[in-house]
Amino acid sequence: MTLPSEPAEPELPLGSQMSNSSSIRHFLLLALADTRQLQLLHFCLLLGISLAALLGNGLIISAVACGHHLHTPMFFFLLNLALSDLGSICTTVPKAMHNSLWDTRDISYTGCAAQLFFFVFFISAEYFLLTIMCYDRYVSICKPLHYGTLLGSRACAHMAAAAWASAFLNALMHTANTFSLPLCHGNALGQFFCEIPQILKLSCSKSYLRELGLIAVSGCLAFGCFVFIVFSYVQIFRAVLRIPSEQGRHKAFSTCLPHLAVLSLFISTSIFAYLKPPSMSSPSLDLALSVLYSVVPPALNPLIYSLRNQETRPGQCSAQKPP
């Protein structure tokens, strides 16, 4: 005697089925615009910003690499910062331009994982490099007699390598942990590129707590860097105010302005994007903030540094010493 077989469960669409990440083959990114005209406009804007970033950062890399008078610790770290800016904008913008031009939202599962890894990698490297550049300004102004000892070529290479290695490990841990989570709430992301908070929204209940713990650890490290930056600039300002001549104070302070401007743009946009109150959240505001902290800084950083640093301008070939 045979028992009647149970009816098969109906198959749910990909966007709403309760499944784990192994059943998801692609994600749906947030569209930058609804109409075709606005999509083409966004494509042109992103193209202009990306070309400006590529040109500006490329010129800085070429100038520092080819100009022997720019082989100083400050410009060595600036070269690394330009590399991180290039990597950051090349991670998010090309896919957004492709989606706007061809009116699509798809990104493959592996493509999303790669985009998240490289975005976290280059953003983390930029923050660590900005912290090191703060130390460079601190030694230059507060301990000028020990500048060559504390920031020799070997020490600079070790600090830059530590920044890139720390960023790599941070990105690797976050990417591996995020994409090991079971995803039970579809495959639509509320962002124009893959980032951790949007993927966590798709995870099953309580399965994201492990990633939140890892984010808390990274947040503590970032906060430690922020405290170091604030402490360093307090010491820098105190040292600048003790300089007797007004010209000397102006010269010392002007060397910090580019770093302060870039650091303020990076930190303020990131903090407001991730820590704003939920009551202020809206799709249009979130999209504008994401563009502001992920796309605009790589294009503005070269302009800020080239305007404030006379050494990077053509014709400036004399040897430069730290103040």
C-alpha atoms as a PDB file:
ATOM      1  CA  MET A   1       0.000   0.000   0.000  1.00  0.00           C
ATOM      2  CA  THR A   2       1.511   3.292  -1.059  1.00  0.00           C
ATOM      3  CA  LEU A   3       0.929   6.618   0.622  1.00  0.00           C
ATOM      4  CA  PRO A   4      -0.056   9.613  -1.471  1.00  0.00           C
ATOM      5  CA  SER A   5       2.830  11.954  -2.101  1.00  0.00           C
ATOM      6  CA  GLU A   6       2.756  15.425  -0.572  1.00  0.00           C
ATOM      7  CA  PRO A   7       2.113  18.301  -2.954  1.00  0.00           C
ATOM      8  CA  ALA A   8       5.182  20.248  -3.930  1.00  0.00           C
ATOM      9  CA  GLU A   9       5.524  23.710  -2.422  1.00  0.00           C
ATOM     10  CA  PRO A  10       5.021  26.540  -4.895  1.00  0.00           C
ATOM     11  CA  GLU A  11       8.245  28.176  -6.042  1.00  0.00           C
ATOM     12  CA  LEU A  12       8.563  31.841  -5.061  1.00  0.00           C
ATOM     13  CA  PRO A  13      10.157  34.536  -7.218  1.00  0.00           C
ATOM     14  CA  LEU A  14      13.812  35.311  -6.624  1.00  0.00           C
ATOM     15  CA  GLY A  15      13.097  38.711  -5.146  1.00  0.00           C
ATOM     16  CA  SER A  16      10.799  37.369  -2.377  1.00  0.00           C
ATOM     17  CA  GLN A  17      11.709  33.783  -1.647  1.00  0.00           C
ATOM     18  CA  MET A  18      13.091  32.679   1.692  1.00  0.00           C
ATOM     19  CA  SER A  19      16.476  31.400   0.638  1.00  0.00           C
ATOM     20  CA  ASN A  20      20.099  31.523   1.492  1.00  0.00           C
ATOM     21  CA  SER A  21      22.803  33.334  -0.437  1.00  0.00           C
ATOM     22  CA  SER A  22      23.648  30.272  -2.533  1.00  0.00           C
ATOM     23  CA  SER A  23      20.361  30.614  -4.441  1.00  0.00           C
ATOM     24  CA  ILE A  24      21.024  34.249  -5.411  1.00  0.00           C
ATOM     25  CA  ARG A  25      22.807  34.676  -8.713  1.00  0.00           C
ATOM     26  CA  HIS A  26      22.585  38.453  -8.959  1.00  0.00           C
ATOM     27  CA  PHE A  27      21.559  41.579  -7.066  1.00  0.00           C
ATOM     28  CA  LEU A  28      19.473  44.533  -8.171  1.00  0.00           C
ATOM     29  CA  LEU A  29      21.152  47.895  -7.561  1.00  0.00           C
ATOM     30  CA  LEU A  30      19.275  51.113  -6.928  1.00  0.00           C
ATOM     31  CA  ALA A  31      18.524  53.021 -10.123  1.00  0.00           C
ATOM     32  CA  LEU A  32      19.963  56.535 -10.200  1.00  0.00           C
ATOM     33  CA  ALA A  33      16.913  57.868 -12.075  1.00  0.00           C
ATOM     34  CA  ASP A  34      13.519  56.751 -13.365  1.00  0.00           C
ATOM     35  CA  THR A  35      13.380  58.490 -16.740  1.00  0.00           C
ATOM     36  CA  ARG A  36      15.693  57.879 -19.691  1.00  0.00           C
ATOM     37  CA  GLN A  37      16.698  61.545 -19.933  1.00  0.00           C
ATOM     38  CA  LEU A  38      17.805  61.652 -16.284  1.00  0.00           C
ATOM     39  CA  GLN A  39      19.666  58.372 -16.680  1.00  0.00           C
ATOM     40  CA  LEU A  40      21.687  59.820 -19.549  1.00  0.00           C
ATOM     41  CA  LEU A  41      22.272  62.996 -17.546  1.00  0.00           C
ATOM     42  CA  HIS A  42      23.599  60.953 -14.609  1.00  0.00           C
ATOM     43  CA  PHE A  43      25.823  59.027 -17.004  1.00  0.00           C
ATOM     44  CA  CYS A  44      27.347  62.274 -18.306  1.00  0.00           C
ATOM     45  CA  LEU A  45      27.830  63.644 -14.787  1.00  0.00           C
ATOM     46  CA  LEU A  46      29.513  60.457 -13.578  1.00  0.00           C
ATOM     47  CA  LEU A  47      31.668  60.391 -16.685  1.00  0.00           C
ATOM     48  CA  GLY A  48      32.810  63.968 -16.068  1.00  0.00           C
ATOM     49  CA  ILE A  49      33.551  63.334 -12.380  1.00  0.00           C
ATOM     50  CA  SER A  50      35.438  60.109 -13.103  1.00  0.00           C
ATOM     51  CA  LEU A  51      37.515  61.753 -15.851  1.00  0.00           C
ATOM     52  CA  ALA A  52      38.352  64.631 -13.494  1.00  0.00           C
ATOM     53  CA  ALA A  53      39.391  62.152 -10.796  1.00  0.00           C
ATOM     54  CA  LEU A  54      41.477  60.098 -13.219  1.00  0.00           C
ATOM     55  CA  LEU A  55      43.182  63.191 -14.621  1.00  0.00           C
ATOM     56  CA  GLY A  56      43.843  64.869 -11.264  1.00  0.00           C
ATOM     57  CA  ASN A  57      45.092  61.798  -9.438  1.00  0.00           C
ATOM     58  CA  GLY A  58      47.045  60.655 -12.485  1.00  0.00           C
ATOM     59  CA  LEU A  59      48.842  64.009 -12.677  1.00  0.00           C
ATOM     60  CA  ILE A  60      49.723  63.849  -8.976  1.00  0.00           C
ATOM     61  CA  ILE A  61      51.085  60.312  -9.339  1.00  0.00           C
ATOM     62  CA  SER A  62      53.119  61.310 -12.402  1.00  0.00           C
ATOM     63  CA  ALA A  63      54.427  64.493 -10.777  1.00  0.00           C
ATOM     64  CA  VAL A  64      55.516  62.756  -7.571  1.00  0.00           C
ATOM     65  CA  ALA A  65      57.010  59.784  -9.402  1.00  0.00           C
ATOM     66  CA  CYS A  66      58.956  61.883 -11.917  1.00  0.00           C
ATOM     67  CA  GLY A  67      59.828  64.986  -9.882  1.00  0.00           C
ATOM     68  CA  HIS A  68      62.898  64.368  -7.718  1.00  0.00           C
ATOM     69  CA  HIS A  69      62.137  67.521  -5.693  1.00  0.00           C
ATOM     70  CA  LEU A  70      58.865  65.848  -4.626  1.00  0.00           C
ATOM     71  CA  HIS A  71      60.528  62.755  -3.162  1.00  0.00           C
ATOM     72  CA  THR A  72      59.611  63.736   0.390  1.00  0.00           C
ATOM     73  CA  PRO A  73      57.472  61.890   2.962  1.00  0.00           C
ATOM     74  CA  MET A  74      54.479  64.211   2.484  1.00  0.00           C
ATOM     75  CA  PHE A  75      54.355  63.642  -1.274  1.00  0.00           C
ATOM     76  CA  PHE A  76      55.083  59.936  -0.909  1.00  0.00           C
ATOM     77  CA  PHE A  77      51.936  59.607   1.198  1.00  0.00           C
ATOM     78  CA  LEU A  78      50.087  61.892  -1.220  1.00  0.00           C
ATOM     79  CA  LEU A  79      50.984  59.492  -4.040  1.00  0.00           C
ATOM     80  CA  ASN A  80      49.516  56.613  -2.023  1.00  0.00           C
ATOM     81  CA  LEU A  81      46.408  58.685  -1.320  1.00  0.00           C
ATOM     82  CA  ALA A  82      45.990  59.343  -5.048  1.00  0.00           C
ATOM     83  CA  LEU A  83      46.239  55.609  -5.721  1.00  0.00           C
ATOM     84  CA  SER A  84      43.510  54.902  -3.175  1.00  0.00           C
ATOM     85  CA  ASP A  85      41.313  57.610  -4.728  1.00  0.00           C
ATOM     86  CA  LEU A  86      41.766  56.117  -8.182  1.00  0.00           C
ATOM     87  CA  GLY A  87      40.903  52.657  -6.909  1.00  0.00           C
ATOM     88  CA  SER A  88      37.868  53.906  -5.008  1.00  0.00           C
ATOM     89  CA  ILE A  89      36.261  55.707  -7.917  1.00  0.00           C
ATOM     90  CA  CYS A  90      37.088  52.906 -10.366  1.00  0.00           C
ATOM     91  CA  THR A  91      35.288  50.450  -8.079  1.00  0.00           C
ATOM     92  CA  THR A  92      31.852  52.089  -7.968  1.00  0.00           C
ATOM     93  CA  VAL A  93      31.480  54.533 -10.868  1.00  0.00           C
ATOM     94  CA  PRO A  94      31.981  52.279 -13.951  1.00  0.00           C
ATOM     95  CA  LYS A  95      29.143  49.930 -12.975  1.00  0.00           C
ATOM     96  CA  ALA A  96      26.852  52.875 -12.177  1.00  0.00           C
ATOM     97  CA  MET A  97      27.665  54.421 -15.565  1.00  0.00           C
ATOM     98  CA  HIS A  98      26.981  51.099 -17.307  1.00  0.00           C
ATOM     99  CA  ASN A  99      23.616  50.722 -15.568  1.00  0.00           C
ATOM    100  CA  SER A 100      22.598  54.295 -16.393  1.00  0.00           C
ATOM    101  CA  LEU A 101      23.633  53.995 -20.033  1.00  0.00           C
ATOM    102  CA  TRP A 102      21.992  50.619 -20.676  1.00  0.00           C
ATOM    103  CA  ASP A 103      19.008  51.084 -18.323  1.00  0.00           C
ATOM    104  CA  THR A 104      19.734  48.043 -16.171  1.00  0.00           C
ATOM    105  CA  ARG A 105      20.157  47.343 -12.455  1.00  0.00           C
ATOM    106  CA  ASP A 106      21.802  43.906 -12.415  1.00  0.00           C
ATOM    107  CA  ILE A 107      25.126  43.046 -10.821  1.00  0.00           C
ATOM    108  CA  SER A 108      26.317  39.471 -10.463  1.00  0.00           C
ATOM    109  CA  TYR A 109      26.803  37.849  -7.072  1.00  0.00           C
ATOM    110  CA  THR A 110      30.581  37.594  -7.537  1.00  0.00           C
ATOM    111  CA  GLY A 111      30.681  41.094  -9.013  1.00  0.00           C
ATOM    112  CA  CYS A 112      28.899  42.456  -5.952  1.00  0.00           C
ATOM    113  CA  ALA A 113      31.340  40.670  -3.644  1.00  0.00           C
ATOM    114  CA  ALA A 114      34.322  42.039  -5.590  1.00  0.00           C
ATOM    115  CA  GLN A 115      32.878  45.557  -5.583  1.00  0.00           C
ATOM    116  CA  LEU A 116      32.278  45.469  -1.833  1.00  0.00           C
ATOM    117  CA  PHE A 117      35.782  44.135  -1.172  1.00  0.00           C
ATOM    118  CA  PHE A 118      37.569  46.765  -3.244  1.00  0.00           C
ATOM    119  CA  PHE A 119      35.376  49.600  -1.971  1.00  0.00           C
ATOM    120  CA  VAL A 120      36.077  48.734   1.680  1.00  0.00           C
ATOM    121  CA  PHE A 121      39.756  48.155   0.820  1.00  0.00           C
ATOM    122  CA  PHE A 122      40.332  51.538  -0.826  1.00  0.00           C
ATOM    123  CA  ILE A 123      38.167  53.512   1.627  1.00  0.00           C
ATOM    124  CA  SER A 124      39.981  51.932   4.589  1.00  0.00           C
ATOM    125  CA  ALA A 125      43.372  52.570   2.983  1.00  0.00           C
ATOM    126  CA  GLU A 126      42.457  56.225   2.420  1.00  0.00           C
ATOM    127  CA  TYR A 127      41.484  56.702   6.059  1.00  0.00           C
ATOM    128  CA  PHE A 128      44.652  55.035   7.332  1.00  0.00           C
ATOM    129  CA  LEU A 129      46.779  57.087   4.926  1.00  0.00           C
ATOM    130  CA  LEU A 130      45.123  60.313   6.063  1.00  0.00           C
ATOM    131  CA  THR A 131      45.962  59.330   9.638  1.00  0.00           C
ATOM    132  CA  ILE A 132      49.597  58.759   8.691  1.00  0.00           C
ATOM    133  CA  MET A 133      49.687  62.083   6.828  1.00  0.00           C
ATOM    134  CA  CYS A 134      48.489  63.727  10.041  1.00  0.00           C
ATOM    135  CA  TYR A 135      51.482  62.201  11.824  1.00  0.00           C
ATOM    136  CA  ASP A 136      53.721  63.575   9.058  1.00  0.00           C
ATOM    137  CA  ARG A 137      52.371  67.094   9.665  1.00  0.00           C
ATOM    138  CA  TYR A 138      52.753  66.659  13.435  1.00  0.00           C
ATOM    139  CA  VAL A 139      56.418  65.666  13.187  1.00  0.00           C
ATOM    140  CA  SER A 140      57.108  68.346  10.561  1.00  0.00           C
ATOM    141  CA  ILE A 141      55.786  71.181  12.745  1.00  0.00           C
ATOM    142  CA  CYS A 142      56.206  69.961  16.320  1.00  0.00           C
ATOM    143  CA  LYS A 143      59.491  68.033  15.945  1.00  0.00           C
ATOM    144  CA  PRO A 144      61.217  69.458  12.859  1.00  0.00           C
ATOM    145  CA  LEU A 145      64.717  68.509  14.045  1.00  0.00           C
ATOM    146  CA  HIS A 146      63.715  64.835  14.214  1.00  0.00           C
ATOM    147  CA  TYR A 147      61.841  64.826  10.889  1.00  0.00           C
ATOM    148  CA  GLY A 148      64.521  62.981   8.941  1.00  0.00           C
ATOM    149  CA  THR A 149      64.927  60.392  11.690  1.00  0.00           C
ATOM    150  CA  LEU A 150      61.254  59.683  12.402  1.00  0.00           C
ATOM    151  CA  LEU A 151      60.159  59.821   8.763  1.00  0.00           C
ATOM    152  CA  GLY A 152      63.022  58.302   6.815  1.00  0.00           C
ATOM    153  CA  SER A 153      62.415  56.405   3.607  1.00  0.00           C
ATOM    154  CA  ARG A 154      62.305  53.041   5.388  1.00  0.00           C
ATOM    155  CA  ALA A 155      59.863  54.292   8.035  1.00  0.00           C
ATOM    156  CA  CYS A 156      57.590  55.821   5.376  1.00  0.00           C
ATOM    157  CA  ALA A 157      57.577  52.593   3.370  1.00  0.00           C
ATOM    158  CA  HIS A 158      56.714  50.584   6.482  1.00  0.00           C
ATOM    159  CA  MET A 159      53.854  52.921   7.447  1.00  0.00           C
ATOM    160  CA  ALA A 160      52.394  52.894   3.936  1.00  0.00           C
ATOM    161  CA  ALA A 161      52.673  49.105   3.765  1.00  0.00           C
ATOM    162  CA  ALA A 162      50.960  48.822   7.156  1.00  0.00           C
ATOM    163  CA  ALA A 163      48.110  51.033   5.939  1.00  0.00           C
ATOM    164  CA  TRP A 164      47.539  48.965   2.778  1.00  0.00           C
ATOM    165  CA  ALA A 165      47.901  45.646   4.632  1.00  0.00           C
ATOM    166  CA  SER A 166      45.459  46.708   7.363  1.00  0.00           C
ATOM    167  CA  ALA A 167      42.975  47.859   4.731  1.00  0.00           C
ATOM    168  CA  PHE A 168      43.308  44.541   2.889  1.00  0.00           C
ATOM    169  CA  LEU A 169      42.673  42.486   6.032  1.00  0.00           C
ATOM    170  CA  ASN A 170      39.744  44.704   6.997  1.00  0.00           C
ATOM    171  CA  ALA A 171      38.150  44.367   3.559  1.00  0.00           C
ATOM    172  CA  LEU A 172      38.788  40.622   3.433  1.00  0.00           C
ATOM    173  CA  MET A 173      37.172  39.969   6.825  1.00  0.00           C
ATOM    174  CA  HIS A 174      34.118  42.118   6.104  1.00  0.00           C
ATOM    175  CA  THR A 175      33.576  40.673   2.629  1.00  0.00           C
ATOM    176  CA  ALA A 176      34.001  37.051   3.698  1.00  0.00           C
ATOM    177  CA  ASN A 177      31.736  37.494   6.704  1.00  0.00           C
ATOM    178  CA  THR A 178      29.052  39.484   4.876  1.00  0.00           C
ATOM    179  CA  PHE A 179      28.730  37.042   1.987  1.00  0.00           C
ATOM    180  CA  SER A 180      28.661  34.041   4.321  1.00  0.00           C
ATOM    181  CA  LEU A 181      25.368  35.263   5.787  1.00  0.00           C
ATOM    182  CA  PRO A 182      22.104  33.631   4.633  1.00  0.00           C
ATOM    183  CA  LEU A 183      20.025  36.119   2.662  1.00  0.00           C
ATOM    184  CA  CYS A 184      16.300  35.760   3.196  1.00  0.00           C
ATOM    185  CA  HIS A 185      14.812  39.048   2.027  1.00  0.00           C
ATOM    186  CA  GLY A 186      15.265  39.095  -1.709  1.00  0.00           C
ATOM    187  CA  ASN A 187      18.090  40.552  -3.771  1.00  0.00           C
ATOM    188  CA  ALA A 188      17.216  44.262  -4.181  1.00  0.00           C
ATOM    189  CA  LEU A 189      19.798  46.670  -2.723  1.00  0.00           C
ATOM    190  CA  GLY A 190      18.878  50.217  -1.776  1.00  0.00           C
ATOM    191  CA  GLN A 191      22.161  51.622  -3.068  1.00  0.00           C
ATOM    192  CA  PHE A 192      23.774  52.186  -6.490  1.00  0.00           C
ATOM    193  CA  PHE A 193      26.727  50.023  -5.457  1.00  0.00           C
ATOM    194  CA  CYS A 194      27.234  47.076  -3.128  1.00  0.00           C
ATOM    195  CA  GLU A 195      27.911  48.043   0.466  1.00  0.00           C
ATOM    196  CA  ILE A 196      27.666  46.212   3.764  1.00  0.00           C
ATOM    197  CA  PRO A 197      24.574  47.895   5.358  1.00  0.00           C
ATOM    198  CA  GLN A 198      22.428  47.184   2.305  1.00  0.00           C
ATOM    199  CA  ILE A 199      23.400  43.497   2.199  1.00  0.00           C
ATOM    200  CA  LEU A 200      22.785  43.163   5.945  1.00  0.00           C
ATOM    201  CA  LYS A 201      19.202  44.300   5.344  1.00  0.00           C
ATOM    202  CA  LEU A 202      18.705  41.186   3.205  1.00  0.00           C
ATOM    203  CA  SER A 203      20.058  38.767   5.802  1.00  0.00           C
ATOM    204  CA  CYS A 204      17.963  36.531   8.045  1.00  0.00           C
ATOM    205  CA  SER A 205      17.009  37.641  11.537  1.00  0.00           C
ATOM    206  CA  LYS A 206      19.928  37.551  14.009  1.00  0.00           C
ATOM    207  CA  SER A 207      22.290  36.171  11.367  1.00  0.00           C
ATOM    208  CA  TYR A 208      23.831  39.618  10.918  1.00  0.00           C
ATOM    209  CA  LEU A 209      24.943  40.006  14.548  1.00  0.00           C
ATOM    210  CA  ARG A 210      28.375  38.546  13.786  1.00  0.00           C
ATOM    211  CA  GLU A 211      28.976  41.155  11.093  1.00  0.00           C
ATOM    212  CA  LEU A 212      27.723  43.895  13.397  1.00  0.00           C
ATOM    213  CA  GLY A 213      30.331  42.802  15.930  1.00  0.00           C
ATOM    214  CA  LEU A 214      33.029  43.024  13.268  1.00  0.00           C
ATOM    215  CA  ILE A 215      31.768  46.466  12.289  1.00  0.00           C
ATOM    216  CA  ALA A 216      31.984  47.510  15.946  1.00  0.00           C
ATOM    217  CA  VAL A 217      35.628  46.414  16.085  1.00  0.00           C
ATOM    218  CA  SER A 218      36.408  48.346  12.905  1.00  0.00           C
ATOM    219  CA  GLY A 219      34.530  51.328  14.318  1.00  0.00           C
ATOM    220  CA  CYS A 220      36.696  51.268  17.441  1.00  0.00           C
ATOM    221  CA  LEU A 221      39.825  51.233  15.266  1.00  0.00           C
ATOM    222  CA  ALA A 222      38.485  54.135  13.189  1.00  0.00           C
ATOM    223  CA  PHE A 223      37.616  56.048  16.349  1.00  0.00           C
ATOM    224  CA  GLY A 224      41.140  55.457  17.667  1.00  0.00           C
ATOM    225  CA  CYS A 225      42.552  56.969  14.468  1.00  0.00           C
ATOM    226  CA  PHE A 226      40.171  59.908  14.835  1.00  0.00           C
ATOM    227  CA  VAL A 227      41.320  60.547  18.424  1.00  0.00           C
ATOM    228  CA  PHE A 228      44.948  60.423  17.239  1.00  0.00           C
ATOM    229  CA  ILE A 229      44.160  62.954  14.492  1.00  0.00           C
ATOM    230  CA  VAL A 230      42.426  65.339  16.916  1.00  0.00           C
ATOM    231  CA  PHE A 231      45.248  65.056  19.468  1.00  0.00           C
ATOM    232  CA  SER A 232      47.875  65.646  16.766  1.00  0.00           C
ATOM    233  CA  TYR A 233      46.180  68.775  15.464  1.00  0.00           C
ATOM    234  CA  VAL A 234      45.767  70.161  18.963  1.00  0.00           C
ATOM    235  CA  GLN A 235      49.548  69.842  19.357  1.00  0.00           C
ATOM    236  CA  ILE A 236      50.099  71.305  15.868  1.00  0.00           C
ATOM    237  CA  PHE A 237      47.954  74.375  16.566  1.00  0.00           C
ATOM    238  CA  ARG A 238      49.693  74.960  19.880  1.00  0.00           C
ATOM    239  CA  ALA A 239      53.075  74.767  18.179  1.00  0.00           C
ATOM    240  CA  VAL A 240      51.987  77.099  15.365  1.00  0.00           C
ATOM    241  CA  LEU A 241      50.721  79.717  17.820  1.00  0.00           C
ATOM    242  CA  ARG A 242      54.141  79.728  19.533  1.00  0.00           C
ATOM    243  CA  ILE A 243      55.927  80.697  16.286  1.00  0.00           C
ATOM    244  CA  PRO A 244      56.996  84.344  16.761  1.00  0.00           C
ATOM    245  CA  SER A 245      56.666  85.612  13.178  1.00  0.00           C
ATOM    246  CA  GLU A 246      53.328  85.926  11.427  1.00  0.00           C
ATOM    247  CA  GLN A 247      54.876  84.713   8.168  1.00  0.00           C
ATOM    248  CA  GLY A 248      56.186  81.595   9.897  1.00  0.00           C
ATOM    249  CA  ARG A 249      52.766  80.860  11.396  1.00  0.00           C
ATOM    250  CA  HIS A 250      51.100  81.315   8.032  1.00  0.00           C
ATOM    251  CA  LYS A 251      53.615  79.030   6.298  1.00  0.00           C
ATOM    252  CA  ALA A 252      53.305  76.304   8.921  1.00  0.00           C
ATOM    253  CA  PHE A 253      49.526  76.432   8.992  1.00  0.00           C
ATOM    254  CA  SER A 254      49.224  76.472   5.176  1.00  0.00           C
ATOM    255  CA  THR A 255      50.947  73.079   4.987  1.00  0.00           C
ATOM    256  CA  CYS A 256      48.102  71.620   7.075  1.00  0.00           C
ATOM    257  CA  LEU A 257      45.198  73.177   5.180  1.00  0.00           C
ATOM    258  CA  PRO A 258      45.067  70.628   2.312  1.00  0.00           C
ATOM    259  CA  HIS A 259      45.153  67.703   4.704  1.00  0.00           C
ATOM    260  CA  LEU A 260      42.518  69.294   6.949  1.00  0.00           C
ATOM    261  CA  ALA A 261      40.237  69.991   3.982  1.00  0.00           C
ATOM    262  CA  VAL A 262      40.510  66.471   2.566  1.00  0.00           C
ATOM    263  CA  LEU A 263      40.119  64.898   6.006  1.00  0.00           C
ATOM    264  CA  SER A 264      37.068  67.024   6.843  1.00  0.00           C
ATOM    265  CA  LEU A 265      35.384  66.172   3.532  1.00  0.00           C
ATOM    266  CA  PHE A 266      36.048  62.450   3.985  1.00  0.00           C
ATOM    267  CA  ILE A 267      34.990  62.179   7.634  1.00  0.00           C
ATOM    268  CA  SER A 268      32.000  64.550   7.595  1.00  0.00           C
ATOM    269  CA  THR A 269      30.302  62.956   4.585  1.00  0.00           C
ATOM    270  CA  SER A 270      30.928  59.419   5.859  1.00  0.00           C
ATOM    271  CA  ILE A 271      29.649  60.150   9.364  1.00  0.00           C
ATOM    272  CA  PHE A 272      26.539  61.914   8.112  1.00  0.00           C
ATOM    273  CA  ALA A 273      25.802  59.135   5.620  1.00  0.00           C
ATOM    274  CA  TYR A 274      26.068  56.283   8.129  1.00  0.00           C
ATOM    275  CA  LEU A 275      25.143  57.903  11.465  1.00  0.00           C
ATOM    276  CA  LYS A 276      22.310  60.256  10.508  1.00  0.00           C
ATOM    277  CA  PRO A 277      19.021  59.814  12.415  1.00  0.00           C
ATOM    278  CA  PRO A 278      16.535  57.370  10.825  1.00  0.00           C
ATOM    279  CA  SER A 279      13.959  60.170  10.668  1.00  0.00           C
ATOM    280  CA  MET A 280      16.181  61.984   8.127  1.00  0.00           C
ATOM    281  CA  SER A 281      16.516  58.947   5.887  1.00  0.00           C
ATOM    282  CA  SER A 282      14.963  59.020   2.434  1.00  0.00           C
ATOM    283  CA  PRO A 283      15.915  57.336  -0.861  1.00  0.00           C
ATOM    284  CA  SER A 284      16.882  60.613  -2.547  1.00  0.00           C
ATOM    285  CA  LEU A 285      18.918  61.853   0.440  1.00  0.00           C
ATOM    286  CA  ASP A 286      20.654  58.498   0.895  1.00  0.00           C
ATOM    287  CA  LEU A 287      21.556  58.445  -2.793  1.00  0.00           C
ATOM    288  CA  ALA A 288      22.910  61.997  -2.700  1.00  0.00           C
ATOM    289  CA  LEU A 289      24.997  61.264   0.401  1.00  0.00           C
ATOM    290  CA  SER A 290      26.389  58.051  -1.076  1.00  0.00           C
ATOM    291  CA  VAL A 291      27.534  59.962  -4.162  1.00  0.00           C
ATOM    292  CA  LEU A 292      28.963  62.683  -1.925  1.00  0.00           C
ATOM    293  CA  TYR A 293      31.213  60.387   0.116  1.00  0.00           C
ATOM    294  CA  SER A 294      32.077  57.752  -2.519  1.00  0.00           C
ATOM    295  CA  VAL A 295      32.433  59.732  -5.761  1.00  0.00           C
ATOM    296  CA  VAL A 296      33.114  63.407  -5.000  1.00  0.00           C
ATOM    297  CA  PRO A 297      36.184  63.164  -2.670  1.00  0.00           C
ATOM    298  CA  PRO A 298      38.408  61.270  -5.170  1.00  0.00           C
ATOM    299  CA  ALA A 299      37.753  64.036  -7.696  1.00  0.00           C
ATOM    300  CA  LEU A 300      38.252  66.947  -5.277  1.00  0.00           C
ATOM    301  CA  ASN A 301      41.308  65.694  -3.373  1.00  0.00           C
ATOM    302  CA  PRO A 302      43.805  66.329  -6.219  1.00  0.00           C
ATOM    303  CA  LEU A 303      42.383  69.818  -6.739  1.00  0.00           C
ATOM    304  CA  ILE A 304      42.683  70.678  -3.037  1.00  0.00           C
ATOM    305  CA  TYR A 305      46.283  69.512  -2.795  1.00  0.00           C
ATOM    306  CA  SER A 306      47.433  71.025  -6.077  1.00  0.00           C
ATOM    307  CA  LEU A 307      45.946  74.435  -5.187  1.00  0.00           C
ATOM    308  CA  ARG A 308      47.578  74.589  -1.772  1.00  0.00           C
ATOM    309  CA  ASN A 309      50.949  72.996  -2.569  1.00  0.00           C
ATOM    310  CA  GLN A 310      53.156  75.208  -4.712  1.00  0.00           C
ATOM    311  CA  GLU A 311      55.589  72.322  -5.234  1.00  0.00           C
ATOM    312  CA  THR A 312      53.157  70.373  -7.436  1.00  0.00           C
ATOM    313  CA  ARG A 313      52.759  73.199  -9.923  1.00  0.00           C
ATOM    314  CA  PRO A 314      54.797  73.288 -13.130  1.00  0.00           C
ATOM    315  CA  GLY A 315      58.097  75.085 -12.895  1.00  0.00           C
ATOM    316  CA  GLN A 316      58.607  74.445  -9.195  1.00  0.00           C
ATOM    317  CA  CYS A 317      61.792  72.401  -9.305  1.00  0.00           C
ATOM    318  CA  SER A 318      63.716  73.661  -6.333  1.00  0.00           C
ATOM    319  CA  ALA A 319      64.374  71.323  -3.445  1.00  0.00           C
ATOM    320  CA  GLN A 320      61.714  71.489  -0.789  1.00  0.00           C
ATOM    321  CA  LYS A 321      62.305  70.892   2.871  1.00  0.00           C
ATOM    322  CA  PRO A 322      59.704  70.344   5.540  1.00  0.00           C
ATOM    323  CA  PRO A 323      58.841  73.435   7.602  1.00  0.00           C
END
